[in-house]
Amino acid sequence: MTTYVVLASFTDQGIRTVKDTTKRADAVKDMAGRFGVKMREIYWTQGQYDLVTLLDADNEQAVAAFGLAVSSAGNVRFETLRAFTKDEMTGILAKLP
């Protein structure tokens, strides 16, 4: 599986209903499975981003579809980052001349 880090910020709608954020997180975690995505962790953070989530998925299409579905609810905007393990990074570096 491939790991992704998702950095999310509340929209105006999301912050207005922030008291429901943990309930929404549970619903999103359940929804992730329908896309072949596993939501490993979610953290509420201070600073530039309001949420950081760790996802595992078999392919980018699953993550993209899941992201669109979550975004279409209108509570968050997010940026998805592909994350590499140490072993994956070692393999990448081995390809360098």
N, C-alpha and C. Protein backbone atom coordinates (compact mmCIF):
# COMPACT_ATOMS: atom_id res chain seq x y z
N MET A 1 0.84 -1.19 0.00
CA MET A 1 0.00 0.00 0.00
C MET A 1 0.88 1.24 0.00
N THR A 2 0.33 2.29 -0.54
CA THR A 2 1.02 3.57 -0.60
C THR A 2 0.47 4.47 0.50
N THR A 3 1.36 5.24 1.11
CA THR A 3 0.97 6.14 2.19
C THR A 3 0.86 7.56 1.67
N TYR A 4 -0.15 8.26 2.17
CA TYR A 4 -0.37 9.66 1.82
C TYR A 4 -0.57 10.45 3.10
N VAL A 5 -0.07 11.68 3.11
CA VAL A 5 -0.30 12.62 4.19
C VAL A 5 -1.25 13.67 3.64
N VAL A 6 -2.35 13.91 4.34
CA VAL A 6 -3.33 14.90 3.91
C VAL A 6 -3.31 16.06 4.90
N LEU A 7 -3.09 17.26 4.38
CA LEU A 7 -3.12 18.49 5.17
C LEU A 7 -4.42 19.20 4.85
N ALA A 8 -5.24 19.44 5.87
CA ALA A 8 -6.57 19.99 5.61
C ALA A 8 -6.82 21.26 6.41
N SER A 9 -7.62 22.13 5.83
CA SER A 9 -8.05 23.36 6.49
C SER A 9 -9.57 23.43 6.44
N PHE A 10 -10.16 23.89 7.53
CA PHE A 10 -11.61 24.06 7.55
C PHE A 10 -12.02 25.16 6.59
N THR A 11 -13.11 24.95 5.91
CA THR A 11 -13.74 26.01 5.13
C THR A 11 -14.58 26.85 6.10
N ASP A 12 -15.20 27.91 5.59
CA ASP A 12 -16.11 28.69 6.44
C ASP A 12 -17.23 27.81 6.98
N GLN A 13 -17.76 26.96 6.13
CA GLN A 13 -18.81 26.04 6.56
C GLN A 13 -18.30 25.09 7.64
N GLY A 14 -17.10 24.56 7.44
CA GLY A 14 -16.53 23.61 8.39
C GLY A 14 -16.27 24.20 9.76
N ILE A 15 -15.80 25.45 9.79
CA ILE A 15 -15.53 26.08 11.08
C ILE A 15 -16.83 26.47 11.78
N ARG A 16 -17.85 26.81 11.02
CA ARG A 16 -19.16 27.14 11.64
C ARG A 16 -19.75 25.93 12.35
N THR A 17 -19.44 24.74 11.85
CA THR A 17 -19.97 23.51 12.44
C THR A 17 -18.86 22.68 13.07
N VAL A 18 -17.86 23.35 13.61
CA VAL A 18 -16.68 22.67 14.14
C VAL A 18 -17.01 21.71 15.29
N LYS A 19 -18.10 21.96 15.99
CA LYS A 19 -18.47 21.05 17.09
C LYS A 19 -18.76 19.64 16.59
N ASP A 20 -19.02 19.49 15.30
CA ASP A 20 -19.30 18.18 14.73
C ASP A 20 -18.07 17.53 14.09
N THR A 21 -16.91 18.15 14.24
CA THR A 21 -15.74 17.67 13.50
C THR A 21 -15.34 16.24 13.84
N THR A 22 -15.45 15.83 15.09
CA THR A 22 -15.07 14.45 15.42
C THR A 22 -16.09 13.46 14.87
N LYS A 23 -17.36 13.84 14.84
CA LYS A 23 -18.38 12.98 14.24
C LYS A 23 -18.15 12.86 12.73
N ARG A 24 -17.81 13.99 12.11
CA ARG A 24 -17.53 13.97 10.67
C ARG A 24 -16.32 13.09 10.38
N ALA A 25 -15.31 13.15 11.25
CA ALA A 25 -14.11 12.33 11.06
C ALA A 25 -14.47 10.85 11.08
N ASP A 26 -15.34 10.44 11.99
CA ASP A 26 -15.79 9.04 12.04
C ASP A 26 -16.49 8.65 10.75
N ALA A 27 -17.35 9.53 10.26
CA ALA A 27 -18.08 9.25 9.02
C ALA A 27 -17.12 9.16 7.84
N VAL A 28 -16.13 10.05 7.79
CA VAL A 28 -15.15 10.05 6.70
C VAL A 28 -14.31 8.77 6.75
N LYS A 29 -13.95 8.34 7.95
CA LYS A 29 -13.17 7.10 8.10
C LYS A 29 -13.96 5.92 7.55
N ASP A 30 -15.25 5.86 7.84
CA ASP A 30 -16.10 4.80 7.30
C ASP A 30 -16.20 4.90 5.78
N MET A 31 -16.34 6.11 5.26
CA MET A 31 -16.46 6.32 3.83
C MET A 31 -15.18 5.91 3.10
N ALA A 32 -14.03 6.10 3.72
CA ALA A 32 -12.74 5.81 3.08
C ALA A 32 -12.70 4.37 2.57
N GLY A 33 -13.20 3.45 3.36
CA GLY A 33 -13.18 2.04 2.97
C GLY A 33 -13.90 1.76 1.67
N ARG A 34 -14.94 2.51 1.39
CA ARG A 34 -15.69 2.33 0.14
C ARG A 34 -14.86 2.70 -1.08
N PHE A 35 -13.80 3.48 -0.86
CA PHE A 35 -12.92 3.89 -1.96
C PHE A 35 -11.64 3.07 -2.00
N GLY A 36 -11.51 2.09 -1.10
CA GLY A 36 -10.28 1.32 -1.03
C GLY A 36 -9.17 2.07 -0.32
N VAL A 37 -9.56 3.01 0.53
CA VAL A 37 -8.60 3.83 1.27
C VAL A 37 -8.74 3.50 2.75
N LYS A 38 -7.61 3.41 3.43
CA LYS A 38 -7.63 3.22 4.88
C LYS A 38 -7.16 4.51 5.53
N MET A 39 -8.01 5.11 6.35
CA MET A 39 -7.63 6.31 7.10
C MET A 39 -6.97 5.83 8.40
N ARG A 40 -5.65 5.87 8.41
CA ARG A 40 -4.89 5.33 9.53
C ARG A 40 -4.98 6.20 10.78
N GLU A 41 -4.78 7.50 10.61
CA GLU A 41 -4.79 8.44 11.74
C GLU A 41 -5.36 9.77 11.29
N ILE A 42 -5.94 10.49 12.24
CA ILE A 42 -6.33 11.88 12.01
C ILE A 42 -5.94 12.67 13.25
N TYR A 43 -5.35 13.82 13.02
CA TYR A 43 -4.94 14.71 14.10
C TYR A 43 -5.51 16.09 13.85
N TRP A 44 -6.01 16.71 14.89
CA TRP A 44 -6.42 18.11 14.84
C TRP A 44 -5.20 18.91 15.27
N THR A 45 -4.85 19.91 14.47
CA THR A 45 -3.59 20.62 14.70
C THR A 45 -3.80 22.12 14.81
N GLN A 46 -2.79 22.77 15.33
CA GLN A 46 -2.76 24.23 15.38
C GLN A 46 -1.77 24.71 14.35
N GLY A 47 -2.00 25.87 13.80
CA GLY A 47 -1.09 26.40 12.79
C GLY A 47 -1.77 26.55 11.46
N GLN A 48 -1.00 26.40 10.39
CA GLN A 48 -1.52 26.63 9.04
C GLN A 48 -2.62 25.64 8.66
N TYR A 49 -2.53 24.41 9.15
CA TYR A 49 -3.52 23.39 8.83
C TYR A 49 -4.30 23.00 10.08
N ASP A 50 -5.58 22.69 9.89
CA ASP A 50 -6.43 22.31 11.01
C ASP A 50 -6.43 20.81 11.27
N LEU A 51 -6.12 20.04 10.24
CA LEU A 51 -6.12 18.58 10.34
C LEU A 51 -4.95 18.00 9.57
N VAL A 52 -4.40 16.91 10.10
CA VAL A 52 -3.41 16.11 9.38
C VAL A 52 -3.90 14.67 9.45
N THR A 53 -3.98 14.04 8.29
CA THR A 53 -4.49 12.68 8.21
C THR A 53 -3.49 11.80 7.48
N LEU A 54 -3.32 10.58 7.96
CA LEU A 54 -2.49 9.59 7.29
C LEU A 54 -3.39 8.57 6.63
N LEU A 55 -3.19 8.37 5.33
CA LEU A 55 -4.00 7.43 4.55
C LEU A 55 -3.12 6.37 3.93
N ASP A 56 -3.68 5.19 3.73
CA ASP A 56 -3.05 4.13 2.94
C ASP A 56 -4.02 3.77 1.83
N ALA A 57 -3.48 3.58 0.62
CA ALA A 57 -4.31 3.22 -0.52
C ALA A 57 -3.49 2.44 -1.53
N ASP A 58 -4.18 1.65 -2.34
CA ASP A 58 -3.50 0.87 -3.37
C ASP A 58 -3.10 1.70 -4.58
N ASN A 59 -3.82 2.81 -4.81
CA ASN A 59 -3.50 3.60 -6.00
C ASN A 59 -3.96 5.04 -5.84
N GLU A 60 -3.41 5.89 -6.69
CA GLU A 60 -3.71 7.33 -6.64
C GLU A 60 -5.16 7.63 -7.01
N GLN A 61 -5.74 6.83 -7.87
CA GLN A 61 -7.12 7.07 -8.27
C GLN A 61 -8.07 6.93 -7.08
N ALA A 62 -7.80 5.94 -6.23
CA ALA A 62 -8.65 5.75 -5.04
C ALA A 62 -8.55 6.96 -4.12
N VAL A 63 -7.34 7.47 -3.92
CA VAL A 63 -7.15 8.63 -3.06
C VAL A 63 -7.79 9.86 -3.68
N ALA A 64 -7.66 10.02 -4.98
CA ALA A 64 -8.26 11.17 -5.66
C ALA A 64 -9.79 11.14 -5.55
N ALA A 65 -10.39 9.99 -5.78
CA ALA A 65 -11.84 9.87 -5.69
C ALA A 65 -12.31 10.13 -4.25
N PHE A 66 -11.61 9.56 -3.29
CA PHE A 66 -11.93 9.78 -1.89
C PHE A 66 -11.83 11.26 -1.54
N GLY A 67 -10.75 11.91 -1.98
CA GLY A 67 -10.56 13.33 -1.72
C GLY A 67 -11.65 14.20 -2.31
N LEU A 68 -12.07 13.88 -3.52
CA LEU A 68 -13.16 14.64 -4.14
C LEU A 68 -14.47 14.45 -3.38
N ALA A 69 -14.71 13.23 -2.94
CA ALA A 69 -15.94 12.96 -2.18
C ALA A 69 -15.95 13.73 -0.87
N VAL A 70 -14.82 13.74 -0.17
CA VAL A 70 -14.74 14.47 1.10
C VAL A 70 -14.87 15.97 0.85
N SER A 71 -14.16 16.48 -0.12
CA SER A 71 -14.20 17.91 -0.42
C SER A 71 -15.58 18.39 -0.84
N SER A 72 -16.30 17.54 -1.54
CA SER A 72 -17.60 17.96 -2.03
C SER A 72 -18.61 18.22 -0.91
N ALA A 73 -18.34 17.71 0.29
CA ALA A 73 -19.21 18.00 1.43
C ALA A 73 -19.06 19.45 1.90
N GLY A 74 -17.94 20.08 1.53
CA GLY A 74 -17.77 21.51 1.78
C GLY A 74 -17.20 21.91 3.12
N ASN A 75 -16.73 20.96 3.93
CA ASN A 75 -16.22 21.31 5.25
C ASN A 75 -14.71 21.53 5.32
N VAL A 76 -13.98 20.95 4.38
CA VAL A 76 -12.52 21.09 4.37
C VAL A 76 -12.00 21.25 2.95
N ARG A 77 -10.84 21.86 2.87
CA ARG A 77 -10.03 21.88 1.64
C ARG A 77 -8.73 21.19 2.02
N PHE A 78 -8.22 20.37 1.12
CA PHE A 78 -6.98 19.73 1.52
C PHE A 78 -5.99 19.51 0.40
N GLU A 79 -4.78 19.23 0.85
CA GLU A 79 -3.65 18.97 -0.02
C GLU A 79 -3.16 17.57 0.31
N THR A 80 -2.95 16.76 -0.71
CA THR A 80 -2.51 15.38 -0.50
C THR A 80 -1.05 15.25 -0.91
N LEU A 81 -0.27 14.66 -0.04
CA LEU A 81 1.16 14.47 -0.28
C LEU A 81 1.48 12.98 -0.29
N ARG A 82 2.17 12.52 -1.31
CA ARG A 82 2.65 11.14 -1.35
C ARG A 82 3.80 11.03 -0.36
N ALA A 83 3.76 10.03 0.50
CA ALA A 83 4.81 9.84 1.50
C ALA A 83 5.59 8.57 1.17
N PHE A 84 6.89 8.61 1.39
CA PHE A 84 7.77 7.49 1.10
C PHE A 84 8.39 6.96 2.39
N THR A 85 8.43 5.64 2.53
CA THR A 85 9.11 5.04 3.67
C THR A 85 10.61 5.12 3.45
N LYS A 86 11.37 4.79 4.47
CA LYS A 86 12.83 4.78 4.34
C LYS A 86 13.27 3.81 3.25
N ASP A 87 12.67 2.63 3.21
CA ASP A 87 13.03 1.65 2.18
C ASP A 87 12.69 2.15 0.78
N GLU A 88 11.53 2.79 0.64
CA GLU A 88 11.16 3.34 -0.67
C GLU A 88 12.14 4.44 -1.09
N MET A 89 12.52 5.27 -0.15
CA MET A 89 13.46 6.36 -0.45
C MET A 89 14.83 5.79 -0.82
N THR A 90 15.24 4.74 -0.15
CA THR A 90 16.52 4.08 -0.49
C THR A 90 16.47 3.58 -1.92
N GLY A 91 15.35 2.99 -2.34
CA GLY A 91 15.20 2.53 -3.72
C GLY A 91 15.24 3.67 -4.72
N ILE A 92 14.63 4.78 -4.37
CA ILE A 92 14.64 5.97 -5.23
C ILE A 92 16.08 6.47 -5.38
N LEU A 93 16.76 6.59 -4.26
CA LEU A 93 18.13 7.09 -4.28
C LEU A 93 19.07 6.17 -5.07
N ALA A 94 18.79 4.88 -5.05
CA ALA A 94 19.62 3.92 -5.78
C ALA A 94 19.55 4.14 -7.28
N LYS A 95 18.50 4.79 -7.76
CA LYS A 95 18.34 5.05 -9.19
C LYS A 95 19.11 6.28 -9.66
N LEU A 96 19.63 7.05 -8.71
CA LEU A 96 20.37 8.25 -9.08
C LEU A 96 21.73 7.87 -9.65
N PRO A 97 22.21 8.65 -10.61
CA PRO A 97 23.53 8.34 -11.20
C PRO A 97 24.66 8.61 -10.20
